[in-house]
PDB file of N, CA and C in Angstrom:
ATOM      1  N   MET A   1       0.758  -1.271   0.062  1.00  0.00           N
ATOM      2  CA  MET A   1       0.017   0.070   0.118  1.00  0.00           C
ATOM      3  C   MET A   1       0.835   1.207   0.384  1.00  0.00           C
ATOM      4  N   VAL A   2       2.023   1.310   0.966  1.00  0.00           N
ATOM      5  CA  VAL A   2       2.607   2.684   1.018  1.00  0.00           C
ATOM      6  C   VAL A   2       3.507   2.541  -0.560  1.00  0.00           C
ATOM      7  N   ALA A   3       3.745   1.382  -1.127  1.00  0.00           N
ATOM      8  CA  ALA A   3       4.495   1.483  -2.416  1.00  0.00           C
ATOM      9  C   ALA A   3       3.431   2.321  -3.678  1.00  0.00           C
ATOM     10  N   LYS A   4       2.352   1.892  -3.360  1.00  0.00           N
ATOM     11  CA  LYS A   4       1.258   2.423  -4.345  1.00  0.00           C
ATOM     12  C   LYS A   4       1.153   4.199  -4.167  1.00  0.00           C
ATOM     13  N   LEU A   5       1.422   4.346  -3.308  1.00  0.00           N
ATOM     14  CA  LEU A   5       1.204   5.917  -2.445  1.00  0.00           C
ATOM     15  C   LEU A   5       2.430   6.552  -3.017  1.00  0.00           C
ATOM     16  N   VAL A   6       3.664   5.996  -2.758  1.00  0.00           N
ATOM     17  CA  VAL A   6       4.703   6.719  -3.442  1.00  0.00           C
ATOM     18  C   VAL A   6       4.684   6.349  -4.990  1.00  0.00           C
ATOM     19  N   ALA A   7       4.241   5.559  -5.515  1.00  0.00           N
ATOM     20  CA  ALA A   7       4.151   5.620  -7.174  1.00  0.00           C
ATOM     21  C   ALA A   7       3.037   6.626  -7.439  1.00  0.00           C
ATOM     22  N   LYS A   8       2.256   6.867  -6.701  1.00  0.00           N
ATOM     23  CA  LYS A   8       1.300   7.740  -7.019  1.00  0.00           C
ATOM     24  C   LYS A   8       1.681   9.128  -7.169  1.00  0.00           C
ATOM     25  N   ASN A   9       2.395   9.362  -5.723  1.00  0.00           N
ATOM     26  CA  ASN A   9       3.091  10.392  -5.456  1.00  0.00           C
ATOM     27  C   ASN A   9       4.035  11.069  -6.688  1.00  0.00           C
ATOM     28  N   ARG A  10       4.990  10.008  -6.979  1.00  0.00           N
ATOM     29  CA  ARG A  10       5.884  10.191  -7.949  1.00  0.00           C
ATOM     30  C   ARG A  10       5.275  10.903  -9.474  1.00  0.00           C
ATOM     31  N   GLN A  11       4.113  10.075  -9.646  1.00  0.00           N
ATOM     32  CA  GLN A  11       3.743  10.532 -11.099  1.00  0.00           C
ATOM     33  C   GLN A  11       2.999  11.863 -10.847  1.00  0.00           C
ATOM     34  N   GLN A  12       2.379  11.900  -9.504  1.00  0.00           N
ATOM     35  CA  GLN A  12       1.598  13.507  -9.697  1.00  0.00           C
ATOM     36  C   GLN A  12       2.665  14.493  -9.750  1.00  0.00           C
ATOM     37  N   MET A  13       3.935  13.954  -9.057  1.00  0.00           N
ATOM     38  CA  MET A  13       5.194  15.240  -9.293  1.00  0.00           C
ATOM     39  C   MET A  13       5.394  15.391 -10.644  1.00  0.00           C
ATOM     40  N   PHE A  14       5.629  14.302 -11.309  1.00  0.00           N
ATOM     41  CA  PHE A  14       5.991  14.385 -12.506  1.00  0.00           C
ATOM     42  C   PHE A  14       5.313  14.798 -13.684  1.00  0.00           C
ATOM     43  N   ASP A  15       3.963  14.716 -13.418  1.00  0.00           N
ATOM     44  CA  ASP A  15       2.738  15.613 -13.833  1.00  0.00           C
ATOM     45  C   ASP A  15       2.841  17.018 -13.930  1.00  0.00           C
ATOM     46  N   LYS A  16       3.280  17.273 -12.597  1.00  0.00           N
ATOM     47  CA  LYS A  16       3.100  18.731 -12.032  1.00  0.00           C
ATOM     48  C   LYS A  16       4.213  19.285 -12.827  1.00  0.00           C
ATOM     49  N   VAL A  17       5.676  18.683 -12.644  1.00  0.00           N
ATOM     50  CA  VAL A  17       6.591  19.435 -13.295  1.00  0.00           C
ATOM     51  C   VAL A  17       6.775  19.593 -14.792  1.00  0.00           C
ATOM     52  N   SER A  18       6.010  18.663 -15.602  1.00  0.00           N
ATOM     53  CA  SER A  18       5.601  18.640 -16.766  1.00  0.00           C
ATOM     54  C   SER A  18       4.895  19.761 -17.288  1.00  0.00           C
ATOM     55  N   ARG A  19       3.784  19.689 -16.614  1.00  0.00           N
ATOM     56  CA  ARG A  19       3.090  20.696 -16.921  1.00  0.00           C
ATOM     57  C   ARG A  19       3.660  22.342 -16.641  1.00  0.00           C
ATOM     58  N   ARG A  20       4.334  22.378 -15.462  1.00  0.00           N
ATOM     59  CA  ARG A  20       5.521  23.677 -15.295  1.00  0.00           C
ATOM     60  C   ARG A  20       6.307  23.858 -16.255  1.00  0.00           C
ATOM     61  N   LYS A  21       6.900  22.896 -16.904  1.00  0.00           N
ATOM     62  CA  LYS A  21       7.853  23.153 -17.913  1.00  0.00           C
ATOM     63  C   LYS A  21       7.297  23.619 -19.313  1.00  0.00           C
ATOM     64  N   LYS A  22       6.229  23.122 -19.398  1.00  0.00           N
ATOM     65  CA  LYS A  22       5.649  23.405 -20.603  1.00  0.00           C
ATOM     66  C   LYS A  22       5.089  24.937 -20.717  1.00  0.00           C
ATOM     67  N   LEU A  23       4.523  25.300 -19.461  1.00  0.00           N
ATOM     68  CA  LEU A  23       4.021  26.715 -19.060  1.00  0.00           C
ATOM     69  C   LEU A  23       5.111  27.459 -19.332  1.00  0.00           C
ATOM     70  N   ASP A  24       6.039  27.132 -18.709  1.00  0.00           N
ATOM     71  CA  ASP A  24       7.409  27.957 -19.039  1.00  0.00           C
ATOM     72  C   ASP A  24       7.668  28.237 -20.430  1.00  0.00           C
ATOM     73  N   GLU A  25       7.850  27.252 -21.208  1.00  0.00           N
ATOM     74  CA  GLU A  25       8.334  27.183 -22.422  1.00  0.00           C
ATOM     75  C   GLU A  25       7.296  27.730 -23.274  1.00  0.00           C
ATOM     76  N   LEU A  26       6.241  27.771 -22.821  1.00  0.00           N
ATOM     77  CA  LEU A  26       5.080  28.341 -23.673  1.00  0.00           C
ATOM     78  C   LEU A  26       5.241  30.103 -23.402  1.00  0.00           C
ATOM     79  N   GLU A  27       5.456  30.724 -22.013  1.00  0.00           N
ATOM     80  CA  GLU A  27       6.023  32.103 -21.703  1.00  0.00           C
ATOM     81  C   GLU A  27       7.166  32.336 -22.375  1.00  0.00           C
ATOM     82  N   ILE A  28       8.076  31.621 -22.557  1.00  0.00           N
ATOM     83  CA  ILE A  28       9.376  32.048 -23.216  1.00  0.00           C
ATOM     84  C   ILE A  28       9.095  32.214 -24.650  1.00  0.00           C
ATOM     85  N   ARG A  29       8.312  31.311 -25.149  1.00  0.00           N
ATOM     86  CA  ARG A  29       7.872  31.149 -26.969  1.00  0.00           C
ATOM     87  C   ARG A  29       7.187  32.830 -26.874  1.00  0.00           C
ATOM     88  N   GLN A  30       5.851  33.222 -25.944  1.00  0.00           N
ATOM     89  CA  GLN A  30       5.223  34.164 -26.220  1.00  0.00           C
ATOM     90  C   GLN A  30       6.212  35.092 -26.065  1.00  0.00           C
ATOM     91  N   HIS A  31       7.028  35.658 -25.303  1.00  0.00           N
ATOM     92  CA  HIS A  31       7.992  36.444 -24.922  1.00  0.00           C
ATOM     93  C   HIS A  31       8.777  36.663 -26.112  1.00  0.00           C
ATOM     94  N   GLU A  32       9.557  35.906 -26.916  1.00  0.00           N
ATOM     95  CA  GLU A  32      10.072  35.784 -28.015  1.00  0.00           C
ATOM     96  C   GLU A  32       9.309  36.379 -29.387  1.00  0.00           C
ATOM     97  N   LEU A  33       7.899  35.900 -29.250  1.00  0.00           N
ATOM     98  CA  LEU A  33       7.075  36.454 -30.578  1.00  0.00           C
ATOM     99  C   LEU A  33       6.960  37.795 -29.986  1.00  0.00           C
ATOM    100  N   LEU A  34       7.035  38.404 -28.755  1.00  0.00           N
ATOM    101  CA  LEU A  34       6.547  39.886 -28.684  1.00  0.00           C
ATOM    102  C   LEU A  34       7.698  40.672 -29.124  1.00  0.00           C
ATOM    103  N   LEU A  35       8.930  39.954 -28.959  1.00  0.00           N
ATOM    104  CA  LEU A  35      10.031  40.686 -29.362  1.00  0.00           C
ATOM    105  C   LEU A  35      10.486  40.690 -30.772  1.00  0.00           C
ATOM    106  N   ALA A  36      10.122  39.775 -31.347  1.00  0.00           N
ATOM    107  CA  ALA A  36       9.833  39.547 -32.777  1.00  0.00           C
ATOM    108  C   ALA A  36       9.096  40.837 -33.650  1.00  0.00           C
ATOM    109  N   LYS A  37       8.068  40.878 -32.999  1.00  0.00           N
ATOM    110  CA  LYS A  37       7.225  41.984 -33.416  1.00  0.00           C
ATOM    111  C   LYS A  37       7.754  43.530 -33.868  1.00  0.00           C
ATOM    112  N   GLU A  38       8.604  43.481 -32.602  1.00  0.00           N
ATOM    113  CA  GLU A  38       9.302  45.142 -32.555  1.00  0.00           C
ATOM    114  C   GLU A  38      10.693  44.692 -33.469  1.00  0.00           C
ATOM    115  N   GLY A  39      10.868  43.681 -34.157  1.00  0.00           N
ATOM    116  CA  GLY A  39      12.258  43.486 -34.544  1.00  0.00           C
ATOM    117  C   GLY A  39      13.472  43.466 -33.823  1.00  0.00           C
ATOM    118  N   LEU A  40      13.037  42.837 -32.522  1.00  0.00           N
ATOM    119  CA  LEU A  40      14.105  42.619 -31.876  1.00  0.00           C
ATOM    120  C   LEU A  40      14.296  40.851 -31.560  1.00  0.00           C
ATOM    121  N   THR A  41      15.650  40.342 -30.876  1.00  0.00           N
ATOM    122  CA  THR A  41      15.535  39.083 -30.565  1.00  0.00           C
ATOM    123  C   THR A  41      16.148  39.155 -29.167  1.00  0.00           C
ATOM    124  N   THR A  42      16.171  37.614 -28.556  1.00  0.00           N
ATOM    125  CA  THR A  42      16.662  37.713 -26.977  1.00  0.00           C
ATOM    126  C   THR A  42      17.959  37.975 -26.662  1.00  0.00           C
ATOM    127  N   LEU A  43      18.914  38.431 -27.730  1.00  0.00           N
ATOM    128  CA  LEU A  43      20.124  38.438 -27.958  1.00  0.00           C
ATOM    129  C   LEU A  43      20.284  39.955 -27.658  1.00  0.00           C
ATOM    130  N   ASP A  44      19.451  40.875 -28.337  1.00  0.00           N
ATOM    131  CA  ASP A  44      19.369  42.197 -28.231  1.00  0.00           C
ATOM    132  C   ASP A  44      19.560  42.842 -26.754  1.00  0.00           C
ATOM    133  N   ALA A  45      20.089  44.157 -26.410  1.00  0.00           N
ATOM    134  CA  ALA A  45      20.047  44.562 -24.985  1.00  0.00           C
ATOM    135  C   ALA A  45      18.687  45.000 -24.883  1.00  0.00           C
ATOM    136  N   THR A  46      18.282  44.951 -23.484  1.00  0.00           N
ATOM    137  CA  THR A  46      17.255  45.602 -23.080  1.00  0.00           C
ATOM    138  C   THR A  46      17.589  47.118 -22.773  1.00  0.00           C
ATOM    139  N   PRO A  47      16.953  48.107 -22.476  1.00  0.00           N
ATOM    140  CA  PRO A  47      16.863  49.348 -22.094  1.00  0.00           C
ATOM    141  C   PRO A  47      17.605  49.056 -20.723  1.00  0.00           C
ATOM    142  N   LEU A  48      17.415  48.413 -20.140  1.00  0.00           N
ATOM    143  CA  LEU A  48      18.027  47.973 -18.469  1.00  0.00           C
ATOM    144  C   LEU A  48      19.418  47.627 -18.604  1.00  0.00           C
ATOM    145  N   HIS A  49      19.468  46.979 -19.785  1.00  0.00           N
ATOM    146  CA  HIS A  49      20.969  46.604 -19.787  1.00  0.00           C
ATOM    147  C   HIS A  49      21.756  47.773 -20.667  1.00  0.00           C
ATOM    148  N   GLU A  50      21.040  48.419 -21.255  1.00  0.00           N
ATOM    149  CA  GLU A  50      22.066  49.720 -21.858  1.00  0.00           C
ATOM    150  C   GLU A  50      22.405  50.758 -20.736  1.00  0.00           C
ATOM    151  N   ALA A  51      21.275  50.842 -19.953  1.00  0.00           N
ATOM    152  CA  ALA A  51      21.676  51.794 -18.662  1.00  0.00           C
ATOM    153  C   ALA A  51      22.586  51.222 -17.979  1.00  0.00           C
ATOM    154  N   ARG A  52      22.716  50.038 -17.466  1.00  0.00           N
ATOM    155  CA  ARG A  52      23.680  49.513 -16.786  1.00  0.00           C
ATOM    156  C   ARG A  52      25.186  49.581 -17.385  1.00  0.00           C
ATOM    157  N   GLU A  53      25.212  49.607 -18.880  1.00  0.00           N
ATOM    158  CA  GLU A  53      26.594  49.835 -19.489  1.00  0.00           C
ATOM    159  C   GLU A  53      27.193  51.395 -19.229  1.00  0.00           C
ATOM    160  N   ARG A  54      26.039  52.093 -18.902  1.00  0.00           N
ATOM    161  CA  ARG A  54      26.744  53.731 -19.116  1.00  0.00           C
ATOM    162  C   ARG A  54      27.321  54.167 -17.467  1.00  0.00           C
TER     163      ARG A  54
END
């Protein structure tokens, strides 16, 4: 019985992590698309980076 609970918990954690990873990837992709609309890439310096360099 304990083994079943452990297995169920392991599967639930795996599912939770998988969902979170997919959500993170989706948010990154969305950010990249918003940057592309402005003609930028993730490698371009942000205004914050530019201000730090000064």
